[in-house]
């Protein structure tokens, strides 16, 4: 049996898939080049709390944790888990 002629909607569908593929590839290449050409992120200066937390992260043994680290961790917990004006925990 001989197959029927190719229907115009099949040609249109195939063309649409080809165009969609080309658009996806072009967008990927453009965004990849844009990411590579982006300047490096600005290095910001660390606050004293950030510096203290960075120092505390280097402590290996739990028994070596000093009161300054505990105070820094408590301040961070208070910042993130402090209740708002309505008495609910902030998200």
PDB file of N, CA and C in Angstrom:
ATOM      1  N   UNK A   1       0.814  -1.169   0.000  1.00  0.00           N
ATOM      2  CA  UNK A   1       0.000   0.000   0.000  1.00  0.00           C
ATOM      3  C   UNK A   1       0.871   1.251   0.000  1.00  0.00           C
ATOM      4  N   UNK A   2       0.463   2.163  -0.764  1.00  0.00           N
ATOM      5  CA  UNK A   2       1.206   3.404  -0.900  1.00  0.00           C
ATOM      6  C   UNK A   2       0.660   4.435   0.086  1.00  0.00           C
ATOM      7  N   UNK A   3       1.583   5.103   0.842  1.00  0.00           N
ATOM      8  CA  UNK A   3       1.085   6.097   1.797  1.00  0.00           C
ATOM      9  C   UNK A   3       0.477   7.281   1.068  1.00  0.00           C
ATOM     10  N   UNK A   4      -0.462   7.936   1.722  1.00  0.00           N
ATOM     11  CA  UNK A   4      -1.130   9.087   1.143  1.00  0.00           C
ATOM     12  C   UNK A   4      -0.181  10.285   1.083  1.00  0.00           C
ATOM     13  N   UNK A   5      -0.594  11.336   0.401  1.00  0.00           N
ATOM     14  CA  UNK A   5       0.254  12.515   0.304  1.00  0.00           C
ATOM     15  C   UNK A   5       0.427  13.167   1.686  1.00  0.00           C
ATOM     16  N   UNK A   6       1.537  13.866   1.826  1.00  0.00           N
ATOM     17  CA  UNK A   6       1.804  14.566   3.084  1.00  0.00           C
ATOM     18  C   UNK A   6       0.820  15.720   3.197  1.00  0.00           C
ATOM     19  N   UNK A   7       0.136  15.748   4.286  1.00  0.00           N
ATOM     20  CA  UNK A   7      -0.883  16.758   4.492  1.00  0.00           C
ATOM     21  C   UNK A   7      -0.246  18.083   4.892  1.00  0.00           C
ATOM     22  N   UNK A   8      -0.850  19.194   4.477  1.00  0.00           N
ATOM     23  CA  UNK A   8      -0.277  20.502   4.803  1.00  0.00           C
ATOM     24  C   UNK A   8      -0.142  20.763   6.305  1.00  0.00           C
ATOM     25  N   UNK A   9      -1.063  20.244   7.118  1.00  0.00           N
ATOM     26  CA  UNK A   9      -0.944  20.497   8.549  1.00  0.00           C
ATOM     27  C   UNK A   9       0.245  19.761   9.155  1.00  0.00           C
ATOM     28  N   UNK A  10       0.645  18.640   8.573  1.00  0.00           N
ATOM     29  CA  UNK A  10       1.832  17.934   9.042  1.00  0.00           C
ATOM     30  C   UNK A  10       3.093  18.727   8.706  1.00  0.00           C
ATOM     31  N   UNK A  11       3.112  19.334   7.533  1.00  0.00           N
ATOM     32  CA  UNK A  11       4.257  20.170   7.152  1.00  0.00           C
ATOM     33  C   UNK A  11       4.323  21.386   8.083  1.00  0.00           C
ATOM     34  N   UNK A  12       3.188  21.981   8.364  1.00  0.00           N
ATOM     35  CA  UNK A  12       3.146  23.124   9.270  1.00  0.00           C
ATOM     36  C   UNK A  12       3.593  22.761  10.668  1.00  0.00           C
ATOM     37  N   UNK A  13       3.157  21.611  11.144  1.00  0.00           N
ATOM     38  CA  UNK A  13       3.558  21.159  12.478  1.00  0.00           C
ATOM     39  C   UNK A  13       5.062  20.905  12.528  1.00  0.00           C
ATOM     40  N   UNK A  14       5.609  20.267  11.512  1.00  0.00           N
ATOM     41  CA  UNK A  14       7.049  20.014  11.460  1.00  0.00           C
ATOM     42  C   UNK A  14       7.826  21.330  11.421  1.00  0.00           C
ATOM     43  N   UNK A  15       7.344  22.288  10.641  1.00  0.00           N
ATOM     44  CA  UNK A  15       8.007  23.589  10.571  1.00  0.00           C
ATOM     45  C   UNK A  15       7.956  24.300  11.920  1.00  0.00           C
ATOM     46  N   UNK A  16       6.851  24.189  12.621  1.00  0.00           N
ATOM     47  CA  UNK A  16       6.726  24.818  13.938  1.00  0.00           C
ATOM     48  C   UNK A  16       7.709  24.209  14.928  1.00  0.00           C
ATOM     49  N   UNK A  17       7.867  22.883  14.905  1.00  0.00           N
ATOM     50  CA  UNK A  17       8.833  22.242  15.791  1.00  0.00           C
ATOM     51  C   UNK A  17      10.262  22.664  15.463  1.00  0.00           C
ATOM     52  N   UNK A  18      10.566  22.795  14.195  1.00  0.00           N
ATOM     53  CA  UNK A  18      11.903  23.227  13.788  1.00  0.00           C
ATOM     54  C   UNK A  18      12.166  24.656  14.260  1.00  0.00           C
ATOM     55  N   UNK A  19      11.191  25.543  14.049  1.00  0.00           N
ATOM     56  CA  UNK A  19      11.347  26.930  14.496  1.00  0.00           C
ATOM     57  C   UNK A  19      11.489  26.988  16.015  1.00  0.00           C
ATOM     58  N   UNK A  20      10.685  26.218  16.732  1.00  0.00           N
ATOM     59  CA  UNK A  20      10.779  26.186  18.185  1.00  0.00           C
ATOM     60  C   UNK A  20      12.155  25.694  18.638  1.00  0.00           C
ATOM     61  N   UNK A  21      12.672  24.678  17.993  1.00  0.00           N
ATOM     62  CA  UNK A  21      14.004  24.183  18.329  1.00  0.00           C
ATOM     63  C   UNK A  21      15.081  25.222  18.087  1.00  0.00           C
ATOM     64  N   UNK A  22      14.983  25.933  16.966  1.00  0.00           N
ATOM     65  CA  UNK A  22      15.967  26.979  16.667  1.00  0.00           C
ATOM     66  C   UNK A  22      15.895  28.098  17.702  1.00  0.00           C
ATOM     67  N   UNK A  23      14.695  28.482  18.096  1.00  0.00           N
ATOM     68  CA  UNK A  23      14.536  29.533  19.111  1.00  0.00           C
ATOM     69  C   UNK A  23      15.137  29.091  20.447  1.00  0.00           C
ATOM     70  N   UNK A  24      14.899  27.871  20.849  1.00  0.00           N
ATOM     71  CA  UNK A  24      15.451  27.371  22.112  1.00  0.00           C
ATOM     72  C   UNK A  24      16.972  27.348  22.066  1.00  0.00           C
ATOM     73  N   UNK A  25      17.551  26.870  20.988  1.00  0.00           N
ATOM     74  CA  UNK A  25      19.006  26.827  20.859  1.00  0.00           C
ATOM     75  C   UNK A  25      19.585  28.242  20.860  1.00  0.00           C
ATOM     76  N   UNK A  26      18.956  29.163  20.128  1.00  0.00           N
ATOM     77  CA  UNK A  26      19.453  30.540  20.079  1.00  0.00           C
ATOM     78  C   UNK A  26      19.381  31.200  21.454  1.00  0.00           C
ATOM     79  N   UNK A  27      18.292  30.976  22.184  1.00  0.00           N
ATOM     80  CA  UNK A  27      18.167  31.560  23.522  1.00  0.00           C
ATOM     81  C   UNK A  27      19.209  30.981  24.471  1.00  0.00           C
ATOM     82  N   UNK A  28      19.444  29.686  24.387  1.00  0.00           N
ATOM     83  CA  UNK A  28      20.446  29.054  25.237  1.00  0.00           C
ATOM     84  C   UNK A  28      21.825  29.618  24.966  1.00  0.00           C
ATOM     85  N   UNK A  29      22.177  29.745  23.713  1.00  0.00           N
ATOM     86  CA  UNK A  29      23.493  30.289  23.358  1.00  0.00           C
ATOM     87  C   UNK A  29      23.623  31.733  23.824  1.00  0.00           C
ATOM     88  N   UNK A  30      22.580  32.513  23.635  1.00  0.00           N
ATOM     89  CA  UNK A  30      22.631  33.925  24.040  1.00  0.00           C
ATOM     90  C   UNK A  30      22.794  34.064  25.548  1.00  0.00           C
ATOM     91  N   UNK A  31      22.004  33.332  26.323  1.00  0.00           N
ATOM     92  CA  UNK A  31      22.096  33.430  27.769  1.00  0.00           C
ATOM     93  C   UNK A  31      23.411  32.880  28.282  1.00  0.00           C
ATOM     94  N   UNK A  32      23.953  31.848  27.645  1.00  0.00           N
ATOM     95  CA  UNK A  32      25.241  31.308  28.058  1.00  0.00           C
ATOM     96  C   UNK A  32      26.348  32.324  27.803  1.00  0.00           C
ATOM     97  N   UNK A  33      26.327  32.985  26.665  1.00  0.00           N
ATOM     98  CA  UNK A  33      27.331  34.015  26.372  1.00  0.00           C
ATOM     99  C   UNK A  33      27.182  35.201  27.308  1.00  0.00           C
ATOM    100  N   UNK A  34      25.928  35.561  27.613  1.00  0.00           N
ATOM    101  CA  UNK A  34      25.684  36.681  28.523  1.00  0.00           C
ATOM    102  C   UNK A  34      26.227  36.368  29.909  1.00  0.00           C
ATOM    103  N   UNK A  35      26.057  35.135  30.360  1.00  0.00           N
ATOM    104  CA  UNK A  35      26.542  34.749  31.680  1.00  0.00           C
ATOM    105  C   UNK A  35      28.065  34.750  31.714  1.00  0.00           C
ATOM    106  N   UNK A  36      28.709  34.307  30.655  1.00  0.00           N
ATOM    107  CA  UNK A  36      30.165  34.277  30.612  1.00  0.00           C
ATOM    108  C   UNK A  36      30.741  35.684  30.549  1.00  0.00           C
ATOM    109  N   UNK A  37      30.045  36.617  29.894  1.00  0.00           N
ATOM    110  CA  UNK A  37      30.556  37.957  29.730  1.00  0.00           C
ATOM    111  C   UNK A  37      30.239  38.857  30.914  1.00  0.00           C
ATOM    112  N   UNK A  38      29.422  38.398  31.855  1.00  0.00           N
ATOM    113  CA  UNK A  38      29.044  39.227  32.994  1.00  0.00           C
ATOM    114  C   UNK A  38      30.257  39.495  33.875  1.00  0.00           C
ATOM    115  N   UNK A  39      30.379  40.718  34.383  1.00  0.00           N
ATOM    116  CA  UNK A  39      31.501  41.017  35.266  1.00  0.00           C
ATOM    117  C   UNK A  39      31.346  40.261  36.571  1.00  0.00           C
ATOM    118  N   UNK A  40      32.446  40.015  37.257  1.00  0.00           N
ATOM    119  CA  UNK A  40      32.343  39.299  38.527  1.00  0.00           C
ATOM    120  C   UNK A  40      31.530  40.099  39.536  1.00  0.00           C
ATOM    121  N   UNK A  41      30.903  39.389  40.428  1.00  0.00           N
ATOM    122  CA  UNK A  41      30.055  40.044  41.424  1.00  0.00           C
ATOM    123  C   UNK A  41      30.896  40.949  42.315  1.00  0.00           C
ATOM    124  N   UNK A  42      30.277  42.023  42.779  1.00  0.00           N
ATOM    125  CA  UNK A  42      30.958  42.952  43.664  1.00  0.00           C
ATOM    126  C   UNK A  42      31.243  42.271  44.995  1.00  0.00           C
ATOM    127  N   UNK A  43      32.449  42.422  45.462  1.00  0.00           N
ATOM    128  CA  UNK A  43      32.819  41.868  46.754  1.00  0.00           C
ATOM    129  C   UNK A  43      32.480  42.909  47.804  1.00  0.00           C
ATOM    130  N   UNK A  44      31.605  42.554  48.721  1.00  0.00           N
ATOM    131  CA  UNK A  44      31.225  43.514  49.748  1.00  0.00           C
ATOM    132  C   UNK A  44      32.032  43.260  51.002  1.00  0.00           C
ATOM    133  N   UNK A  45      32.196  44.271  51.787  1.00  0.00           N
ATOM    134  CA  UNK A  45      32.937  44.127  53.033  1.00  0.00           C
ATOM    135  C   UNK A  45      32.045  43.433  54.054  1.00  0.00           C
ATOM    136  N   UNK A  46      32.638  42.574  54.841  1.00  0.00           N
ATOM    137  CA  UNK A  46      31.887  41.826  55.834  1.00  0.00           C
ATOM    138  C   UNK A  46      31.672  42.685  57.072  1.00  0.00           C
ATOM    139  N   UNK A  47      30.494  42.597  57.619  1.00  0.00           N
ATOM    140  CA  UNK A  47      30.252  43.267  58.886  1.00  0.00           C
ATOM    141  C   UNK A  47      30.940  42.465  59.988  1.00  0.00           C
ATOM    142  N   UNK A  48      30.973  43.036  61.160  1.00  0.00           N
ATOM    143  CA  UNK A  48      31.640  42.336  62.260  1.00  0.00           C
ATOM    144  C   UNK A  48      30.927  41.027  62.593  1.00  0.00           C
ATOM    145  N   UNK A  49      29.593  41.008  62.471  1.00  0.00           N
ATOM    146  CA  UNK A  49      28.856  39.776  62.731  1.00  0.00           C
ATOM    147  C   UNK A  49      29.175  38.723  61.676  1.00  0.00           C
ATOM    148  N   UNK A  50      29.233  39.130  60.403  1.00  0.00           N
ATOM    149  CA  UNK A  50      29.595  38.186  59.343  1.00  0.00           C
ATOM    150  C   UNK A  50      30.998  37.638  59.547  1.00  0.00           C
ATOM    151  N   UNK A  51      31.912  38.505  59.947  1.00  0.00           N
ATOM    152  CA  UNK A  51      33.286  38.063  60.189  1.00  0.00           C
ATOM    153  C   UNK A  51      33.330  37.078  61.347  1.00  0.00           C
ATOM    154  N   UNK A  52      32.560  37.357  62.388  1.00  0.00           N
ATOM    155  CA  UNK A  52      32.525  36.451  63.545  1.00  0.00           C
ATOM    156  C   UNK A  52      31.920  35.109  63.163  1.00  0.00           C
ATOM    157  N   UNK A  53      30.841  35.121  62.377  1.00  0.00           N
ATOM    158  CA  UNK A  53      30.230  33.863  61.942  1.00  0.00           C
ATOM    159  C   UNK A  53      31.161  33.078  61.035  1.00  0.00           C
ATOM    160  N   UNK A  54      31.915  33.776  60.199  1.00  0.00           N
ATOM    161  CA  UNK A  54      32.884  33.095  59.339  1.00  0.00           C
ATOM    162  C   UNK A  54      33.962  32.423  60.189  1.00  0.00           C
ATOM    163  N   UNK A  55      34.412  33.112  61.215  1.00  0.00           N
ATOM    164  CA  UNK A  55      35.411  32.526  62.118  1.00  0.00           C
ATOM    165  C   UNK A  55      34.825  31.320  62.840  1.00  0.00           C
ATOM    166  N   UNK A  56      33.586  31.426  63.277  1.00  0.00           N
ATOM    167  CA  UNK A  56      32.958  30.333  64.023  1.00  0.00           C
ATOM    168  C   UNK A  56      32.738  29.094  63.149  1.00  0.00           C
ATOM    169  N   UNK A  57      32.558  29.297  61.858  1.00  0.00           N
ATOM    170  CA  UNK A  57      32.371  28.142  60.956  1.00  0.00           C
ATOM    171  C   UNK A  57      33.630  27.298  60.846  1.00  0.00           C
ATOM    172  N   UNK A  58      34.773  27.875  61.143  1.00  0.00           N
ATOM    173  CA  UNK A  58      36.027  27.126  61.018  1.00  0.00           C
ATOM    174  C   UNK A  58      36.303  26.253  62.231  1.00  0.00           C
ATOM    175  N   UNK A  59      35.522  26.387  63.290  1.00  0.00           N
ATOM    176  CA  UNK A  59      35.740  25.597  64.508  1.00  0.00           C
ATOM    177  C   UNK A  59      35.276  24.171  64.245  1.00  0.00           C
ATOM    178  N   UNK A  60      36.172  23.232  64.475  1.00  0.00           N
ATOM    179  CA  UNK A  60      35.875  21.821  64.178  1.00  0.00           C
ATOM    180  C   UNK A  60      35.225  21.101  65.358  1.00  0.00           C
ATOM    181  N   UNK A  61      35.739  21.305  66.560  1.00  0.00           N
ATOM    182  CA  UNK A  61      35.257  20.566  67.719  1.00  0.00           C
ATOM    183  C   UNK A  61      34.199  21.366  68.473  1.00  0.00           C
ATOM    184  N   UNK A  62      33.089  20.741  68.843  1.00  0.00           N
ATOM    185  CA  UNK A  62      32.043  21.465  69.575  1.00  0.00           C
ATOM    186  C   UNK A  62      32.525  22.014  70.917  1.00  0.00           C
ATOM    187  N   UNK A  63      33.480  21.343  71.544  1.00  0.00           N
ATOM    188  CA  UNK A  63      33.964  21.827  72.836  1.00  0.00           C
ATOM    189  C   UNK A  63      34.844  23.074  72.706  1.00  0.00           C
ATOM    190  N   UNK A  64      35.283  23.406  71.495  1.00  0.00           N
ATOM    191  CA  UNK A  64      36.102  24.601  71.263  1.00  0.00           C
ATOM    192  C   UNK A  64      35.276  25.852  70.987  1.00  0.00           C
ATOM    193  N   UNK A  65      33.950  25.731  70.954  1.00  0.00           N
ATOM    194  CA  UNK A  65      33.094  26.878  70.668  1.00  0.00           C
ATOM    195  C   UNK A  65      33.168  27.853  71.838  1.00  0.00           C
ATOM    196  N   UNK A  66      33.440  29.107  71.520  1.00  0.00           N
ATOM    197  CA  UNK A  66      33.581  30.115  72.570  1.00  0.00           C
ATOM    198  C   UNK A  66      32.288  30.918  72.734  1.00  0.00           C
ATOM    199  N   UNK A  67      32.176  31.714  73.799  1.00  0.00           N
ATOM    200  CA  UNK A  67      30.957  32.498  74.031  1.00  0.00           C
ATOM    201  C   UNK A  67      30.665  33.516  72.923  1.00  0.00           C
ATOM    202  N   UNK A  68      31.687  34.006  72.247  1.00  0.00           N
ATOM    203  CA  UNK A  68      31.464  34.968  71.162  1.00  0.00           C
ATOM    204  C   UNK A  68      30.695  34.309  70.013  1.00  0.00           C
ATOM    205  N   UNK A  69      31.019  33.065  69.720  1.00  0.00           N
ATOM    206  CA  UNK A  69      30.295  32.348  68.662  1.00  0.00           C
ATOM    207  C   UNK A  69      28.847  32.102  69.074  1.00  0.00           C
ATOM    208  N   UNK A  70      28.657  31.708  70.321  1.00  0.00           N
ATOM    209  CA  UNK A  70      27.295  31.478  70.794  1.00  0.00           C
ATOM    210  C   UNK A  70      26.470  32.763  70.723  1.00  0.00           C
ATOM    211  N   UNK A  71      27.083  33.893  71.062  1.00  0.00           N
ATOM    212  CA  UNK A  71      26.379  35.176  71.005  1.00  0.00           C
ATOM    213  C   UNK A  71      26.050  35.547  69.562  1.00  0.00           C
ATOM    214  N   UNK A  72      26.967  35.298  68.636  1.00  0.00           N
ATOM    215  CA  UNK A  72      26.726  35.606  67.224  1.00  0.00           C
ATOM    216  C   UNK A  72      25.604  34.741  66.674  1.00  0.00           C
ATOM    217  N   UNK A  73      25.607  33.461  67.017  1.00  0.00           N
ATOM    218  CA  UNK A  73      24.541  32.573  66.556  1.00  0.00           C
ATOM    219  C   UNK A  73      23.202  32.987  67.149  1.00  0.00           C
ATOM    220  N   UNK A  74      23.197  33.392  68.410  1.00  0.00           N
ATOM    221  CA  UNK A  74      21.951  33.834  69.043  1.00  0.00           C
ATOM    222  C   UNK A  74      21.420  35.094  68.361  1.00  0.00           C
ATOM    223  N   UNK A  75      22.303  36.003  67.983  1.00  0.00           N
ATOM    224  CA  UNK A  75      21.865  37.220  67.302  1.00  0.00           C
ATOM    225  C   UNK A  75      21.262  36.905  65.938  1.00  0.00           C
ATOM    226  N   UNK A  76      21.873  35.975  65.221  1.00  0.00           N
ATOM    227  CA  UNK A  76      21.336  35.576  63.919  1.00  0.00           C
ATOM    228  C   UNK A  76      19.977  34.896  64.092  1.00  0.00           C
ATOM    229  N   UNK A  77      19.851  34.025  65.078  1.00  0.00           N
ATOM    230  CA  UNK A  77      18.554  33.376  65.328  1.00  0.00           C
ATOM    231  C   UNK A  77      17.489  34.404  65.672  1.00  0.00           C
ATOM    232  N   UNK A  78      17.852  35.391  66.484  1.00  0.00           N
ATOM    233  CA  UNK A  78      16.893  36.416  66.859  1.00  0.00           C
ATOM    234  C   UNK A  78      16.474  37.228  65.636  1.00  0.00           C
ATOM    235  N   UNK A  79      17.442  37.500  64.751  1.00  0.00           N
ATOM    236  CA  UNK A  79      17.135  38.275  63.547  1.00  0.00           C
ATOM    237  C   UNK A  79      16.134  37.541  62.659  1.00  0.00           C
ATOM    238  N   UNK A  80      16.325  36.241  62.471  1.00  0.00           N
ATOM    239  CA  UNK A  80      15.481  35.486  61.550  1.00  0.00           C
ATOM    240  C   UNK A  80      14.197  34.982  62.184  1.00  0.00           C
ATOM    241  N   UNK A  81      14.201  34.752  63.490  1.00  0.00           N
ATOM    242  CA  UNK A  81      13.032  34.153  64.123  1.00  0.00           C
ATOM    243  C   UNK A  81      12.340  35.098  65.096  1.00  0.00           C
ATOM    244  N   UNK A  82      12.634  36.381  65.033  1.00  0.00           N
ATOM    245  CA  UNK A  82      11.995  37.349  65.935  1.00  0.00           C
ATOM    246  C   UNK A  82      10.533  37.530  65.543  1.00  0.00           C
ATOM    247  N   UNK A  83       9.648  37.629  66.522  1.00  0.00           N
ATOM    248  CA  UNK A  83       8.236  37.842  66.179  1.00  0.00           C
ATOM    249  C   UNK A  83       8.014  39.259  65.658  1.00  0.00           C
ATOM    250  N   UNK A  84       7.037  39.393  64.789  1.00  0.00           N
ATOM    251  CA  UNK A  84       6.707  40.716  64.269  1.00  0.00           C
ATOM    252  C   UNK A  84       5.726  41.408  65.213  1.00  0.00           C
ATOM    253  N   UNK A  85       5.155  42.522  64.787  1.00  0.00           N
ATOM    254  CA  UNK A  85       4.267  43.308  65.643  1.00  0.00           C
ATOM    255  C   UNK A  85       3.018  42.543  66.056  1.00  0.00           C
ATOM    256  N   UNK A  86       2.547  41.630  65.232  1.00  0.00           N
ATOM    257  CA  UNK A  86       1.331  40.889  65.544  1.00  0.00           C
ATOM    258  C   UNK A  86       1.603  39.685  66.434  1.00  0.00           C
ATOM    259  N   UNK A  87       2.853  39.434  66.774  1.00  0.00           N
ATOM    260  CA  UNK A  87       3.191  38.309  67.627  1.00  0.00           C
ATOM    261  C   UNK A  87       3.409  37.005  66.879  1.00  0.00           C
ATOM    262  N   UNK A  88       3.368  37.065  65.550  1.00  0.00           N
ATOM    263  CA  UNK A  88       3.612  35.876  64.745  1.00  0.00           C
ATOM    264  C   UNK A  88       5.081  35.835  64.346  1.00  0.00           C
ATOM    265  N   UNK A  89       5.574  34.654  64.079  1.00  0.00           N
ATOM    266  CA  UNK A  89       6.948  34.490  63.609  1.00  0.00           C
ATOM    267  C   UNK A  89       7.000  34.958  62.162  1.00  0.00           C
ATOM    268  N   UNK A  90       8.028  35.752  61.835  1.00  0.00           N
ATOM    269  CA  UNK A  90       8.166  36.240  60.469  1.00  0.00           C
ATOM    270  C   UNK A  90       8.596  35.091  59.557  1.00  0.00           C
ATOM    271  N   UNK A  91       8.094  35.079  58.329  1.00  0.00           N
ATOM    272  CA  UNK A  91       8.495  34.004  57.401  1.00  0.00           C
ATOM    273  C   UNK A  91       9.916  34.184  56.934  1.00  0.00           C
TER     274      UNK A  91
END
